[in-house]
Amino acid sequence: MLQYWFEFKDVQNNKMPCTKKTIVWNNKDIKIDNKTIFFRTWFDKGVYTLKDLLDKNLDFLTYEEFKLRYQLQTNFLTYCGVINAIPQEYKKAIKRKVARQEHLTQPWENLKVQTTKAIHKSFAKHVFEEPTTKQRLIANGLTPDQISKYFHLAFSITIEAKLTMFQYKTLHDIVFTKSKLFNAKLASSDICYLCSKTKQDVKHMLVSCPVVSEFWKIFL
């Protein structure tokens, strides 16, 4: 049942279905200079599919590993060009399939007494992508434990859905401030509409704007 669910999810989420057996040559999604590729010398040495470019950990071979495996004297830039031409969707799909296999081969003990939350947590643990703001928080001196608490904050301070989502967006720096709207060419200016003096980012909008500061003084 889990197998069928994962396959359905892959079909829904991936416009370019990909497996290790996906053919490299004359593939409409693998192009260099907007042209599909075919290297006869590689083909004759047994390079047919993506699997032939992967190591045992399903990472792409280094240039030296590739030459050694197939005894090919190919150009470094040519090899890198092929690897770079493989779409990111293909590379991610291969990694997802590895994670999926790990889930399905894991010895589930007492599966009947597992809660839905526990099973979801086990799945998510393998495919979780770290927030893009994590490096910014590390640069500001936060420890891993503090960062974990930081990201859980949105879901622990309120049960109101709209407030939770606003807090979540604030913590991840994805609130559409005037600055972001201006960069996206959706606003004519990035100046704060409250004070009309300074560029409006999240910090200014919630803390440093003079108008907001007055509000906090009254409210607190």
N, C-alpha and C. Protein backbone atom coordinates (compact mmCIF):
# COMPACT_ATOMS: atom_id res chain seq x y z
N MET A 1 0.83 -1.21 0.00
CA MET A 1 0.00 0.00 0.00
C MET A 1 0.87 1.26 0.00
N LEU A 2 1.93 1.24 0.82
CA LEU A 2 2.85 2.38 0.85
C LEU A 2 3.54 2.55 -0.50
N GLN A 3 3.86 1.42 -1.15
CA GLN A 3 4.51 1.46 -2.46
C GLN A 3 3.62 2.20 -3.47
N TYR A 4 2.33 1.84 -3.50
CA TYR A 4 1.40 2.49 -4.43
C TYR A 4 1.27 3.99 -4.14
N TRP A 5 1.25 4.34 -2.86
CA TRP A 5 1.13 5.76 -2.49
C TRP A 5 2.31 6.56 -2.98
N PHE A 6 3.53 6.02 -2.80
CA PHE A 6 4.73 6.73 -3.25
C PHE A 6 4.74 6.86 -4.77
N GLU A 7 4.34 5.80 -5.48
CA GLU A 7 4.33 5.86 -6.94
C GLU A 7 3.31 6.90 -7.43
N PHE A 8 2.14 6.94 -6.77
CA PHE A 8 1.14 7.94 -7.13
C PHE A 8 1.67 9.35 -6.89
N LYS A 9 2.36 9.55 -5.77
CA LYS A 9 2.92 10.86 -5.44
C LYS A 9 3.96 11.28 -6.48
N ASP A 10 4.79 10.35 -6.91
CA ASP A 10 5.80 10.67 -7.92
C ASP A 10 5.15 11.10 -9.23
N VAL A 11 4.10 10.38 -9.65
CA VAL A 11 3.41 10.72 -10.90
C VAL A 11 2.79 12.09 -10.82
N GLN A 12 2.21 12.43 -9.65
CA GLN A 12 1.55 13.72 -9.49
C GLN A 12 2.54 14.88 -9.43
N ASN A 13 3.71 14.64 -8.82
CA ASN A 13 4.63 15.74 -8.56
C ASN A 13 5.71 15.91 -9.62
N ASN A 14 5.89 14.91 -10.47
CA ASN A 14 7.00 14.98 -11.42
C ASN A 14 6.49 14.92 -12.85
N LYS A 15 6.72 16.00 -13.58
CA LYS A 15 6.33 16.04 -14.98
C LYS A 15 7.30 15.21 -15.82
N MET A 16 8.51 15.02 -15.33
CA MET A 16 9.50 14.26 -16.05
C MET A 16 9.80 12.98 -15.28
N PRO A 17 9.05 11.87 -15.49
CA PRO A 17 9.32 10.64 -14.76
C PRO A 17 10.72 10.15 -15.04
N CYS A 18 11.42 9.74 -14.01
CA CYS A 18 12.82 9.39 -14.18
C CYS A 18 13.17 8.23 -13.26
N THR A 19 13.96 7.29 -13.78
CA THR A 19 14.52 6.22 -12.98
C THR A 19 15.98 6.06 -13.36
N LYS A 20 16.66 5.17 -12.67
CA LYS A 20 18.06 4.90 -13.01
C LYS A 20 18.19 4.35 -14.42
N LYS A 21 17.09 3.79 -14.94
CA LYS A 21 17.12 3.19 -16.28
C LYS A 21 16.79 4.18 -17.39
N THR A 22 16.63 5.45 -17.04
CA THR A 22 16.34 6.47 -18.05
C THR A 22 17.51 6.59 -19.03
N ILE A 23 17.21 6.53 -20.32
CA ILE A 23 18.24 6.60 -21.35
C ILE A 23 18.83 8.01 -21.42
N VAL A 24 20.15 8.07 -21.53
CA VAL A 24 20.83 9.36 -21.61
C VAL A 24 20.81 9.91 -23.03
N TRP A 25 21.03 9.04 -23.99
CA TRP A 25 21.24 9.48 -25.37
C TRP A 25 19.94 9.87 -26.07
N ASN A 26 20.02 10.97 -26.81
CA ASN A 26 18.87 11.50 -27.56
C ASN A 26 17.64 11.68 -26.68
N ASN A 27 17.89 12.03 -25.45
CA ASN A 27 16.81 12.31 -24.50
C ASN A 27 16.43 13.78 -24.62
N LYS A 28 15.15 14.04 -24.84
CA LYS A 28 14.71 15.43 -25.08
C LYS A 28 14.94 16.34 -23.89
N ASP A 29 15.15 15.76 -22.70
CA ASP A 29 15.36 16.57 -21.50
C ASP A 29 16.84 16.76 -21.17
N ILE A 30 17.71 16.05 -21.85
CA ILE A 30 19.16 16.16 -21.60
C ILE A 30 19.81 16.76 -22.84
N LYS A 31 20.11 18.04 -22.78
CA LYS A 31 20.61 18.75 -23.95
C LYS A 31 21.84 19.58 -23.61
N ILE A 32 22.71 19.72 -24.58
CA ILE A 32 23.85 20.64 -24.51
C ILE A 32 23.74 21.58 -25.70
N ASP A 33 23.80 22.87 -25.43
CA ASP A 33 23.58 23.88 -26.48
C ASP A 33 22.24 23.65 -27.19
N ASN A 34 21.25 23.26 -26.38
CA ASN A 34 19.88 23.06 -26.87
C ASN A 34 19.77 21.91 -27.87
N LYS A 35 20.73 20.98 -27.84
CA LYS A 35 20.67 19.81 -28.72
C LYS A 35 20.82 18.54 -27.89
N THR A 36 20.05 17.51 -28.23
CA THR A 36 20.22 16.24 -27.55
C THR A 36 21.61 15.69 -27.86
N ILE A 37 22.08 14.77 -27.05
CA ILE A 37 23.47 14.31 -27.17
C ILE A 37 23.55 12.82 -27.47
N PHE A 38 24.64 12.44 -28.14
CA PHE A 38 24.97 11.04 -28.36
C PHE A 38 26.47 10.96 -28.62
N PHE A 39 27.18 10.26 -27.74
CA PHE A 39 28.62 10.06 -27.88
C PHE A 39 28.88 8.59 -28.17
N ARG A 40 29.29 8.29 -29.40
CA ARG A 40 29.49 6.91 -29.82
C ARG A 40 30.52 6.18 -28.97
N THR A 41 31.61 6.88 -28.58
CA THR A 41 32.66 6.22 -27.78
C THR A 41 32.12 5.81 -26.41
N TRP A 42 31.28 6.65 -25.82
CA TRP A 42 30.68 6.32 -24.53
C TRP A 42 29.71 5.15 -24.69
N PHE A 43 28.91 5.22 -25.74
CA PHE A 43 27.93 4.17 -26.00
C PHE A 43 28.60 2.81 -26.18
N ASP A 44 29.68 2.79 -26.93
CA ASP A 44 30.40 1.54 -27.19
C ASP A 44 31.01 0.95 -25.93
N LYS A 45 31.27 1.82 -24.93
CA LYS A 45 31.86 1.35 -23.67
C LYS A 45 30.78 0.92 -22.66
N GLY A 46 29.51 1.07 -23.04
CA GLY A 46 28.45 0.59 -22.16
C GLY A 46 27.70 1.65 -21.39
N VAL A 47 27.87 2.91 -21.77
CA VAL A 47 27.13 4.00 -21.10
C VAL A 47 25.82 4.21 -21.84
N TYR A 48 24.73 3.75 -21.23
CA TYR A 48 23.42 3.86 -21.87
C TYR A 48 22.43 4.69 -21.05
N THR A 49 22.40 4.43 -19.74
CA THR A 49 21.38 5.03 -18.88
C THR A 49 22.02 5.84 -17.75
N LEU A 50 21.17 6.51 -16.98
CA LEU A 50 21.67 7.28 -15.84
C LEU A 50 22.40 6.38 -14.84
N LYS A 51 21.95 5.15 -14.71
CA LYS A 51 22.58 4.21 -13.78
C LYS A 51 24.06 4.04 -14.08
N ASP A 52 24.42 4.14 -15.36
CA ASP A 52 25.81 3.95 -15.77
C ASP A 52 26.70 5.13 -15.37
N LEU A 53 26.09 6.21 -14.91
CA LEU A 53 26.85 7.39 -14.47
C LEU A 53 26.86 7.53 -12.96
N LEU A 54 26.29 6.53 -12.26
CA LEU A 54 26.15 6.61 -10.80
C LEU A 54 27.06 5.63 -10.11
N ASP A 55 27.49 6.00 -8.88
CA ASP A 55 28.25 5.06 -8.06
C ASP A 55 27.30 4.25 -7.20
N LYS A 56 27.84 3.44 -6.30
CA LYS A 56 27.00 2.56 -5.49
C LYS A 56 26.09 3.32 -4.53
N ASN A 57 26.45 4.58 -4.25
CA ASN A 57 25.61 5.42 -3.37
C ASN A 57 24.62 6.27 -4.15
N LEU A 58 24.56 6.02 -5.46
CA LEU A 58 23.68 6.76 -6.37
C LEU A 58 24.05 8.24 -6.46
N ASP A 59 25.33 8.53 -6.28
CA ASP A 59 25.87 9.85 -6.58
C ASP A 59 26.55 9.75 -7.95
N PHE A 60 26.60 10.86 -8.68
CA PHE A 60 27.24 10.82 -9.99
C PHE A 60 28.74 10.63 -9.83
N LEU A 61 29.30 9.82 -10.73
CA LEU A 61 30.73 9.55 -10.71
C LEU A 61 31.53 10.83 -10.89
N THR A 62 32.68 10.89 -10.25
CA THR A 62 33.60 11.99 -10.54
C THR A 62 34.22 11.73 -11.91
N TYR A 63 34.85 12.74 -12.44
CA TYR A 63 35.49 12.61 -13.75
C TYR A 63 36.51 11.47 -13.75
N GLU A 64 37.34 11.39 -12.71
CA GLU A 64 38.36 10.34 -12.62
C GLU A 64 37.73 8.96 -12.47
N GLU A 65 36.67 8.86 -11.66
CA GLU A 65 35.99 7.58 -11.48
C GLU A 65 35.36 7.12 -12.79
N PHE A 66 34.80 8.05 -13.55
CA PHE A 66 34.19 7.72 -14.84
C PHE A 66 35.25 7.19 -15.81
N LYS A 67 36.38 7.88 -15.90
CA LYS A 67 37.45 7.43 -16.81
C LYS A 67 37.96 6.05 -16.44
N LEU A 68 38.12 5.82 -15.13
CA LEU A 68 38.65 4.55 -14.65
C LEU A 68 37.67 3.41 -14.92
N ARG A 69 36.37 3.66 -14.68
CA ARG A 69 35.38 2.59 -14.86
C ARG A 69 35.26 2.17 -16.31
N TYR A 70 35.26 3.15 -17.23
CA TYR A 70 35.00 2.84 -18.63
C TYR A 70 36.24 2.91 -19.52
N GLN A 71 37.39 3.22 -18.89
CA GLN A 71 38.64 3.29 -19.65
C GLN A 71 38.50 4.21 -20.86
N LEU A 72 37.95 5.39 -20.58
CA LEU A 72 37.70 6.39 -21.62
C LEU A 72 38.61 7.60 -21.42
N GLN A 73 39.18 8.07 -22.49
CA GLN A 73 39.97 9.30 -22.45
C GLN A 73 39.11 10.44 -22.99
N THR A 74 38.17 10.86 -22.16
CA THR A 74 37.26 11.92 -22.58
C THR A 74 37.65 13.24 -21.93
N ASN A 75 37.17 14.31 -22.49
CA ASN A 75 37.49 15.64 -22.00
C ASN A 75 36.73 15.93 -20.70
N PHE A 76 37.42 16.58 -19.76
CA PHE A 76 36.81 16.92 -18.46
C PHE A 76 35.57 17.79 -18.66
N LEU A 77 35.66 18.79 -19.52
CA LEU A 77 34.54 19.69 -19.74
C LEU A 77 33.36 18.97 -20.39
N THR A 78 33.68 18.00 -21.25
CA THR A 78 32.62 17.23 -21.88
C THR A 78 31.84 16.43 -20.85
N TYR A 79 32.56 15.77 -19.94
CA TYR A 79 31.90 14.98 -18.91
C TYR A 79 31.05 15.87 -17.99
N CYS A 80 31.64 16.98 -17.55
CA CYS A 80 30.90 17.91 -16.69
C CYS A 80 29.68 18.47 -17.41
N GLY A 81 29.83 18.70 -18.72
CA GLY A 81 28.71 19.21 -19.50
C GLY A 81 27.54 18.25 -19.51
N VAL A 82 27.83 16.95 -19.62
CA VAL A 82 26.77 15.94 -19.61
C VAL A 82 26.08 15.90 -18.25
N ILE A 83 26.86 15.88 -17.18
CA ILE A 83 26.28 15.82 -15.83
C ILE A 83 25.43 17.05 -15.56
N ASN A 84 25.93 18.22 -15.96
CA ASN A 84 25.17 19.45 -15.74
C ASN A 84 23.92 19.52 -16.61
N ALA A 85 23.92 18.81 -17.73
CA ALA A 85 22.77 18.83 -18.63
C ALA A 85 21.62 17.98 -18.11
N ILE A 86 21.91 17.09 -17.18
CA ILE A 86 20.86 16.25 -16.60
C ILE A 86 19.99 17.13 -15.70
N PRO A 87 18.69 17.21 -15.96
CA PRO A 87 17.83 18.12 -15.20
C PRO A 87 17.84 17.83 -13.70
N GLN A 88 17.68 18.89 -12.91
CA GLN A 88 17.62 18.73 -11.46
C GLN A 88 16.46 17.82 -11.06
N GLU A 89 15.37 17.85 -11.84
CA GLU A 89 14.22 17.01 -11.53
C GLU A 89 14.60 15.54 -11.59
N TYR A 90 15.48 15.18 -12.55
CA TYR A 90 15.96 13.80 -12.66
C TYR A 90 16.77 13.42 -11.42
N LYS A 91 17.69 14.33 -11.04
CA LYS A 91 18.57 14.04 -9.91
C LYS A 91 17.78 13.90 -8.62
N LYS A 92 16.79 14.79 -8.43
CA LYS A 92 15.97 14.72 -7.23
C LYS A 92 15.11 13.46 -7.22
N ALA A 93 14.61 13.06 -8.40
CA ALA A 93 13.77 11.87 -8.48
C ALA A 93 14.55 10.63 -8.07
N ILE A 94 15.82 10.55 -8.47
CA ILE A 94 16.65 9.40 -8.10
C ILE A 94 16.82 9.35 -6.59
N LYS A 95 17.09 10.51 -5.97
CA LYS A 95 17.26 10.57 -4.52
C LYS A 95 15.97 10.20 -3.80
N ARG A 96 14.82 10.65 -4.35
CA ARG A 96 13.55 10.33 -3.73
C ARG A 96 13.29 8.82 -3.76
N LYS A 97 13.67 8.19 -4.85
CA LYS A 97 13.46 6.75 -4.97
C LYS A 97 14.34 6.00 -3.98
N VAL A 98 15.54 6.52 -3.72
CA VAL A 98 16.41 5.90 -2.71
C VAL A 98 15.76 5.99 -1.34
N ALA A 99 15.26 7.20 -1.01
CA ALA A 99 14.61 7.39 0.28
C ALA A 99 13.38 6.49 0.41
N ARG A 100 12.65 6.37 -0.70
CA ARG A 100 11.45 5.54 -0.68
C ARG A 100 11.80 4.09 -0.41
N GLN A 101 12.86 3.60 -1.04
CA GLN A 101 13.27 2.21 -0.83
C GLN A 101 13.69 1.98 0.61
N GLU A 102 14.35 2.99 1.20
CA GLU A 102 14.75 2.86 2.60
C GLU A 102 13.53 2.74 3.49
N HIS A 103 12.48 3.53 3.18
CA HIS A 103 11.27 3.47 3.99
C HIS A 103 10.62 2.09 3.89
N LEU A 104 10.54 1.58 2.65
CA LEU A 104 9.80 0.36 2.42
C LEU A 104 10.54 -0.88 2.90
N THR A 105 11.87 -0.78 3.01
CA THR A 105 12.64 -1.93 3.47
C THR A 105 12.94 -1.86 4.95
N GLN A 106 12.56 -0.76 5.59
CA GLN A 106 12.79 -0.63 7.03
C GLN A 106 11.95 -1.65 7.78
N PRO A 107 12.53 -2.39 8.73
CA PRO A 107 11.77 -3.40 9.47
C PRO A 107 10.80 -2.74 10.46
N TRP A 108 9.56 -2.53 9.99
CA TRP A 108 8.56 -1.90 10.86
C TRP A 108 8.11 -2.91 11.92
N GLU A 109 8.39 -2.63 13.15
CA GLU A 109 7.95 -3.48 14.23
C GLU A 109 6.68 -2.88 14.85
N ASN A 110 5.75 -3.75 15.12
CA ASN A 110 4.49 -3.34 15.74
C ASN A 110 3.81 -2.24 14.93
N LEU A 111 3.76 -2.44 13.58
CA LEU A 111 3.20 -1.41 12.71
C LEU A 111 1.76 -1.06 13.09
N LYS A 112 1.02 -2.05 13.59
CA LYS A 112 -0.39 -1.82 13.90
C LYS A 112 -0.58 -0.81 15.02
N VAL A 113 0.43 -0.68 15.90
CA VAL A 113 0.27 0.24 17.02
C VAL A 113 0.95 1.58 16.76
N GLN A 114 1.53 1.75 15.54
CA GLN A 114 2.15 3.02 15.19
C GLN A 114 1.07 4.06 14.91
N THR A 115 1.25 5.25 15.41
CA THR A 115 0.30 6.33 15.10
C THR A 115 0.63 6.93 13.75
N THR A 116 -0.34 7.60 13.16
CA THR A 116 -0.12 8.27 11.88
C THR A 116 1.00 9.29 11.99
N LYS A 117 1.03 10.01 13.10
CA LYS A 117 2.06 11.03 13.33
C LYS A 117 3.44 10.41 13.34
N ALA A 118 3.58 9.25 14.00
CA ALA A 118 4.89 8.60 14.09
C ALA A 118 5.37 8.12 12.72
N ILE A 119 4.46 7.57 11.92
CA ILE A 119 4.82 7.08 10.59
C ILE A 119 5.21 8.26 9.69
N HIS A 120 4.41 9.35 9.75
CA HIS A 120 4.74 10.53 8.94
C HIS A 120 6.10 11.10 9.32
N LYS A 121 6.39 11.13 10.61
CA LYS A 121 7.66 11.66 11.09
C LYS A 121 8.83 10.83 10.56
N SER A 122 8.64 9.51 10.50
CA SER A 122 9.69 8.64 9.99
C SER A 122 9.95 8.89 8.52
N PHE A 123 8.86 9.07 7.73
CA PHE A 123 9.02 9.38 6.32
C PHE A 123 9.71 10.73 6.13
N ALA A 124 9.22 11.73 6.82
CA ALA A 124 9.71 13.10 6.65
C ALA A 124 11.18 13.23 7.04
N LYS A 125 11.63 12.42 7.97
CA LYS A 125 13.00 12.49 8.45
C LYS A 125 14.00 12.29 7.33
N HIS A 126 13.64 11.44 6.34
CA HIS A 126 14.57 11.11 5.27
C HIS A 126 14.52 12.10 4.11
N VAL A 127 13.42 12.80 3.93
CA VAL A 127 13.27 13.68 2.77
C VAL A 127 13.19 15.16 3.16
N PHE A 128 13.36 15.46 4.43
CA PHE A 128 13.25 16.84 4.91
C PHE A 128 14.38 17.70 4.35
N GLU A 129 14.04 18.85 3.83
CA GLU A 129 15.03 19.81 3.35
C GLU A 129 15.14 20.95 4.34
N GLU A 130 16.37 21.27 4.70
CA GLU A 130 16.58 22.31 5.70
C GLU A 130 16.09 23.66 5.19
N PRO A 131 15.51 24.47 6.08
CA PRO A 131 15.06 25.81 5.68
C PRO A 131 16.21 26.66 5.16
N THR A 132 15.94 27.49 4.17
CA THR A 132 16.99 28.32 3.59
C THR A 132 17.49 29.37 4.57
N THR A 133 16.70 29.65 5.61
CA THR A 133 17.11 30.66 6.58
C THR A 133 18.06 30.10 7.64
N LYS A 134 18.31 28.79 7.62
CA LYS A 134 19.12 28.18 8.68
C LYS A 134 20.53 28.77 8.71
N GLN A 135 21.14 28.93 7.53
CA GLN A 135 22.50 29.46 7.48
C GLN A 135 22.57 30.89 8.02
N ARG A 136 21.51 31.68 7.77
CA ARG A 136 21.46 33.04 8.31
C ARG A 136 21.41 33.02 9.82
N LEU A 137 20.65 32.07 10.37
CA LEU A 137 20.53 31.96 11.82
C LEU A 137 21.85 31.50 12.44
N ILE A 138 22.52 30.58 11.78
CA ILE A 138 23.83 30.12 12.27
C ILE A 138 24.83 31.27 12.27
N ALA A 139 24.79 32.08 11.20
CA ALA A 139 25.69 33.23 11.09
C ALA A 139 25.43 34.25 12.20
N ASN A 140 24.20 34.26 12.72
CA ASN A 140 23.85 35.17 13.80
C ASN A 140 24.08 34.57 15.18
N GLY A 141 24.71 33.38 15.21
CA GLY A 141 25.15 32.82 16.48
C GLY A 141 24.21 31.84 17.15
N LEU A 142 23.12 31.42 16.48
CA LEU A 142 22.20 30.47 17.10
C LEU A 142 22.75 29.05 17.02
N THR A 143 22.52 28.28 18.06
CA THR A 143 22.95 26.89 18.09
C THR A 143 21.88 26.02 17.42
N PRO A 144 22.22 24.77 17.03
CA PRO A 144 21.22 23.88 16.42
C PRO A 144 19.99 23.69 17.29
N ASP A 145 20.18 23.59 18.62
CA ASP A 145 19.04 23.42 19.52
C ASP A 145 18.16 24.66 19.51
N GLN A 146 18.78 25.83 19.50
CA GLN A 146 18.01 27.08 19.46
C GLN A 146 17.27 27.23 18.14
N ILE A 147 17.91 26.81 17.06
CA ILE A 147 17.28 26.89 15.74
C ILE A 147 16.06 25.99 15.67
N SER A 148 16.17 24.79 16.25
CA SER A 148 15.02 23.88 16.28
C SER A 148 13.85 24.49 17.02
N LYS A 149 14.13 25.10 18.18
CA LYS A 149 13.07 25.76 18.95
C LYS A 149 12.51 26.95 18.19
N TYR A 150 13.38 27.65 17.46
CA TYR A 150 12.99 28.82 16.67
C TYR A 150 11.93 28.44 15.64
N PHE A 151 12.16 27.33 14.92
CA PHE A 151 11.23 26.93 13.87
C PHE A 151 9.96 26.29 14.41
N HIS A 152 9.99 25.79 15.64
CA HIS A 152 8.77 25.24 16.25
C HIS A 152 7.92 26.32 16.92
N LEU A 153 8.48 27.51 17.02
CA LEU A 153 7.81 28.59 17.74
C LEU A 153 6.45 28.92 17.16
N ALA A 154 6.35 28.95 15.82
CA ALA A 154 5.10 29.34 15.17
C ALA A 154 3.94 28.44 15.55
N PHE A 155 4.24 27.19 15.87
CA PHE A 155 3.18 26.22 16.13
C PHE A 155 2.91 26.03 17.62
N SER A 156 3.60 26.80 18.46
CA SER A 156 3.42 26.63 19.90
C SER A 156 2.89 27.87 20.61
N ILE A 157 2.88 29.02 19.91
CA ILE A 157 2.47 30.25 20.59
C ILE A 157 0.99 30.59 20.38
N THR A 158 0.36 29.93 19.40
CA THR A 158 -1.06 30.22 19.15
C THR A 158 -1.71 29.05 18.44
N ILE A 159 -3.03 28.92 18.60
CA ILE A 159 -3.76 27.89 17.88
C ILE A 159 -4.55 28.49 16.72
N GLU A 160 -4.51 29.82 16.60
CA GLU A 160 -5.20 30.51 15.51
C GLU A 160 -4.42 30.30 14.22
N ALA A 161 -5.05 29.71 13.22
CA ALA A 161 -4.36 29.31 11.98
C ALA A 161 -3.70 30.49 11.27
N LYS A 162 -4.40 31.61 11.16
CA LYS A 162 -3.85 32.75 10.43
C LYS A 162 -2.64 33.33 11.15
N LEU A 163 -2.70 33.39 12.48
CA LEU A 163 -1.56 33.89 13.24
C LEU A 163 -0.38 32.93 13.15
N THR A 164 -0.67 31.63 13.16
CA THR A 164 0.38 30.63 13.03
C THR A 164 1.11 30.77 11.70
N MET A 165 0.35 30.94 10.62
CA MET A 165 0.96 31.05 9.30
C MET A 165 1.74 32.35 9.16
N PHE A 166 1.24 33.43 9.76
CA PHE A 166 1.99 34.69 9.70
C PHE A 166 3.31 34.55 10.46
N GLN A 167 3.24 33.92 11.64
CA GLN A 167 4.45 33.71 12.43
C GLN A 167 5.44 32.82 11.65
N TYR A 168 4.92 31.80 11.00
CA TYR A 168 5.76 30.89 10.21
C TYR A 168 6.46 31.65 9.08
N LYS A 169 5.70 32.48 8.37
CA LYS A 169 6.28 33.25 7.26
C LYS A 169 7.31 34.25 7.77
N THR A 170 7.04 34.83 8.94
CA THR A 170 7.99 35.78 9.52
C THR A 170 9.30 35.09 9.88
N LEU A 171 9.21 33.92 10.52
CA LEU A 171 10.41 33.19 10.93
C LEU A 171 11.24 32.74 9.73
N HIS A 172 10.57 32.44 8.63
CA HIS A 172 11.27 31.98 7.44
C HIS A 172 11.58 33.13 6.46
N ASP A 173 11.28 34.35 6.89
CA ASP A 173 11.57 35.53 6.07
C ASP A 173 10.93 35.45 4.69
N ILE A 174 9.66 35.05 4.66
CA ILE A 174 8.95 34.98 3.38
C ILE A 174 7.69 35.85 3.39
N VAL A 175 7.64 36.82 4.31
CA VAL A 175 6.54 37.79 4.30
C VAL A 175 6.78 38.77 3.15
N PHE A 176 5.74 39.06 2.39
CA PHE A 176 5.91 39.95 1.25
C PHE A 176 5.85 41.41 1.71
N THR A 177 7.02 41.90 2.10
CA THR A 177 7.17 43.30 2.49
C THR A 177 7.28 44.16 1.23
N LYS A 178 7.31 45.46 1.43
CA LYS A 178 7.46 46.37 0.27
C LYS A 178 8.76 46.09 -0.46
N SER A 179 9.81 45.74 0.28
CA SER A 179 11.09 45.44 -0.33
C SER A 179 10.99 44.25 -1.28
N LYS A 180 10.34 43.17 -0.83
CA LYS A 180 10.19 41.99 -1.67
C LYS A 180 9.30 42.27 -2.88
N LEU A 181 8.22 43.01 -2.64
CA LEU A 181 7.32 43.36 -3.74
C LEU A 181 8.03 44.23 -4.78
N PHE A 182 8.88 45.13 -4.31
CA PHE A 182 9.62 46.00 -5.23
C PHE A 182 10.61 45.18 -6.05
N ASN A 183 11.32 44.24 -5.40
CA ASN A 183 12.27 43.39 -6.12
C ASN A 183 11.58 42.50 -7.14
N ALA A 184 10.32 42.15 -6.86
CA ALA A 184 9.55 41.32 -7.79
C ALA A 184 8.82 42.16 -8.83
N LYS A 185 9.08 43.48 -8.81
CA LYS A 185 8.45 44.43 -9.74
C LYS A 185 6.92 44.45 -9.58
N LEU A 186 6.48 44.28 -8.34
CA LEU A 186 5.06 44.35 -8.03
C LEU A 186 4.71 45.59 -7.23
N ALA A 187 5.69 46.43 -6.96
CA ALA A 187 5.48 47.70 -6.26
C ALA A 187 6.41 48.74 -6.86
N SER A 188 5.98 49.96 -6.84
CA SER A 188 6.77 51.04 -7.44
C SER A 188 7.89 51.53 -6.54
N SER A 189 7.85 51.14 -5.26
CA SER A 189 8.86 51.59 -4.31
C SER A 189 9.02 50.57 -3.20
N ASP A 190 10.20 50.55 -2.57
CA ASP A 190 10.41 49.65 -1.43
C ASP A 190 10.35 50.40 -0.10
N ILE A 191 9.93 51.66 -0.14
CA ILE A 191 9.86 52.48 1.07
C ILE A 191 8.63 52.10 1.90
N CYS A 192 8.81 52.05 3.20
CA CYS A 192 7.73 51.70 4.13
C CYS A 192 6.55 52.65 3.96
N TYR A 193 5.35 52.09 3.85
CA TYR A 193 4.15 52.92 3.65
C TYR A 193 3.66 53.54 4.95
N LEU A 194 4.24 53.13 6.11
CA LEU A 194 3.83 53.71 7.38
C LEU A 194 4.63 54.96 7.73
N CYS A 195 5.96 54.83 7.64
CA CYS A 195 6.80 55.98 8.00
C CYS A 195 7.29 56.77 6.79
N SER A 196 7.24 56.15 5.61
CA SER A 196 7.66 56.80 4.36
C SER A 196 9.11 57.29 4.41
N LYS A 197 9.96 56.57 5.13
CA LYS A 197 11.34 57.02 5.27
C LYS A 197 12.36 55.96 4.87
N THR A 198 12.08 54.71 5.20
CA THR A 198 13.09 53.67 5.10
C THR A 198 12.58 52.47 4.32
N LYS A 199 13.53 51.75 3.74
CA LYS A 199 13.21 50.51 3.05
C LYS A 199 12.52 49.53 4.02
N GLN A 200 11.43 48.93 3.57
CA GLN A 200 10.66 48.06 4.46
C GLN A 200 11.02 46.59 4.26
N ASP A 201 11.80 46.05 5.21
CA ASP A 201 12.01 44.61 5.27
C ASP A 201 11.26 44.09 6.49
N VAL A 202 11.42 42.82 6.80
CA VAL A 202 10.65 42.23 7.91
C VAL A 202 11.00 42.90 9.24
N LYS A 203 12.28 43.13 9.47
CA LYS A 203 12.71 43.75 10.73
C LYS A 203 12.12 45.15 10.87
N HIS A 204 12.16 45.92 9.79
CA HIS A 204 11.60 47.27 9.85
C HIS A 204 10.09 47.22 10.06
N MET A 205 9.42 46.31 9.36
CA MET A 205 7.97 46.23 9.42
C MET A 205 7.47 45.88 10.82
N LEU A 206 8.21 45.04 11.52
CA LEU A 206 7.74 44.53 12.81
C LEU A 206 8.39 45.18 14.03
N VAL A 207 9.56 45.83 13.83
CA VAL A 207 10.30 46.32 15.00
C VAL A 207 10.75 47.77 14.87
N SER A 208 11.53 48.05 13.84
CA SER A 208 12.26 49.32 13.83
C SER A 208 11.51 50.51 13.24
N CYS A 209 10.40 50.28 12.56
CA CYS A 209 9.62 51.40 12.01
C CYS A 209 9.13 52.28 13.17
N PRO A 210 9.29 53.59 13.11
CA PRO A 210 8.86 54.49 14.19
C PRO A 210 7.38 54.32 14.54
N VAL A 211 6.55 54.14 13.52
CA VAL A 211 5.11 53.98 13.77
C VAL A 211 4.85 52.68 14.52
N VAL A 212 5.54 51.63 14.12
CA VAL A 212 5.38 50.32 14.78
C VAL A 212 5.92 50.38 16.20
N SER A 213 7.03 51.08 16.39
CA SER A 213 7.62 51.21 17.72
C SER A 213 6.65 51.88 18.69
N GLU A 214 5.96 52.90 18.21
CA GLU A 214 4.96 53.58 19.05
C GLU A 214 3.82 52.63 19.42
N PHE A 215 3.43 51.81 18.45
CA PHE A 215 2.38 50.83 18.72
C PHE A 215 2.81 49.87 19.82
N TRP A 216 4.05 49.36 19.74
CA TRP A 216 4.52 48.40 20.73
C TRP A 216 4.61 49.04 22.12
N LYS A 217 4.97 50.31 22.17
CA LYS A 217 5.04 50.99 23.45
C LYS A 217 3.67 51.06 24.12
N ILE A 218 2.65 51.33 23.29
CA ILE A 218 1.27 51.42 23.81
C ILE A 218 0.75 50.03 24.17
N PHE A 219 1.00 49.08 23.29
CA PHE A 219 0.46 47.73 23.46
C PHE A 219 1.09 47.00 24.64
N LEU A 220 2.40 47.18 24.81
CA LEU A 220 3.10 46.45 25.87
C LEU A 220 3.15 47.26 27.17
